[in-house]
N, C-alpha and C. Protein backbone atom coordinates (compact mmCIF):
# COMPACT_ATOMS: atom_id res chain seq x y z
N MET A 1 2.87 7.72 -2.73
CA MET A 1 1.60 7.49 -3.44
C MET A 1 0.77 8.77 -3.43
N ASP A 2 0.10 9.03 -4.55
CA ASP A 2 -0.73 10.21 -4.63
C ASP A 2 -1.92 10.11 -3.68
N LYS A 3 -2.18 11.17 -2.91
CA LYS A 3 -3.23 11.14 -1.90
C LYS A 3 -4.60 10.88 -2.52
N ALA A 4 -4.91 11.54 -3.64
CA ALA A 4 -6.20 11.35 -4.30
C ALA A 4 -6.38 9.90 -4.72
N PHE A 5 -5.32 9.31 -5.26
CA PHE A 5 -5.38 7.91 -5.67
C PHE A 5 -5.63 7.01 -4.47
N ALA A 6 -4.97 7.31 -3.37
CA ALA A 6 -5.13 6.51 -2.16
C ALA A 6 -6.57 6.56 -1.65
N GLU A 7 -7.20 7.71 -1.81
CA GLU A 7 -8.58 7.86 -1.34
C GLU A 7 -9.57 7.15 -2.25
N GLU A 8 -9.19 6.93 -3.52
CA GLU A 8 -10.09 6.27 -4.46
C GLU A 8 -10.23 4.79 -4.17
N ILE A 9 -9.13 4.15 -3.78
CA ILE A 9 -9.17 2.71 -3.55
C ILE A 9 -9.71 2.40 -2.17
N ASN A 10 -10.21 1.18 -2.00
CA ASN A 10 -10.80 0.81 -0.71
C ASN A 10 -9.70 0.52 0.31
N PRO A 11 -9.97 0.72 1.59
CA PRO A 11 -8.97 0.57 2.66
C PRO A 11 -8.27 -0.79 2.65
N GLU A 12 -9.04 -1.86 2.41
CA GLU A 12 -8.44 -3.19 2.44
C GLU A 12 -7.37 -3.32 1.36
N LYS A 13 -7.69 -2.86 0.15
CA LYS A 13 -6.73 -2.90 -0.95
C LYS A 13 -5.54 -1.99 -0.65
N PHE A 14 -5.81 -0.84 -0.04
CA PHE A 14 -4.74 0.08 0.31
C PHE A 14 -3.76 -0.56 1.28
N MET A 15 -4.29 -1.26 2.29
CA MET A 15 -3.43 -1.91 3.27
C MET A 15 -2.61 -3.02 2.61
N GLU A 16 -3.23 -3.74 1.68
CA GLU A 16 -2.51 -4.80 0.97
C GLU A 16 -1.37 -4.19 0.16
N THR A 17 -1.67 -3.10 -0.54
CA THR A 17 -0.65 -2.42 -1.34
C THR A 17 0.48 -1.90 -0.46
N ALA A 18 0.11 -1.30 0.67
CA ALA A 18 1.12 -0.78 1.60
C ALA A 18 2.03 -1.89 2.10
N ARG A 19 1.43 -3.05 2.37
CA ARG A 19 2.21 -4.19 2.85
C ARG A 19 3.18 -4.66 1.76
N LEU A 20 2.71 -4.69 0.52
CA LEU A 20 3.57 -5.13 -0.57
C LEU A 20 4.72 -4.15 -0.78
N ILE A 21 4.43 -2.86 -0.70
CA ILE A 21 5.47 -1.84 -0.85
C ILE A 21 6.50 -1.99 0.27
N ARG A 22 6.00 -2.19 1.50
CA ARG A 22 6.90 -2.35 2.65
C ARG A 22 7.78 -3.57 2.47
N THR A 23 7.22 -4.64 1.91
CA THR A 23 7.99 -5.85 1.65
C THR A 23 9.10 -5.58 0.64
N GLU A 24 8.78 -4.81 -0.41
CA GLU A 24 9.78 -4.48 -1.42
C GLU A 24 10.90 -3.63 -0.84
N LEU A 25 10.53 -2.70 0.05
CA LEU A 25 11.51 -1.79 0.62
C LEU A 25 12.41 -2.46 1.65
N TYR A 26 11.82 -3.27 2.51
CA TYR A 26 12.55 -3.79 3.66
C TYR A 26 12.78 -5.30 3.63
N GLY A 27 12.14 -5.97 2.68
CA GLY A 27 12.29 -7.42 2.61
C GLY A 27 11.26 -8.12 3.48
N GLU A 28 11.18 -9.44 3.36
CA GLU A 28 10.22 -10.21 4.15
C GLU A 28 10.48 -10.05 5.64
N GLY A 29 9.41 -10.02 6.42
CA GLY A 29 9.56 -9.86 7.86
C GLY A 29 9.80 -8.41 8.23
């Protein structure tokens, strides 16, 4: 993810996005 883009969004949304990406990469759990 682009660093500037990451800084634009709020931390809560960033964490949600990171969780979703992690789910796509590694699967549930």
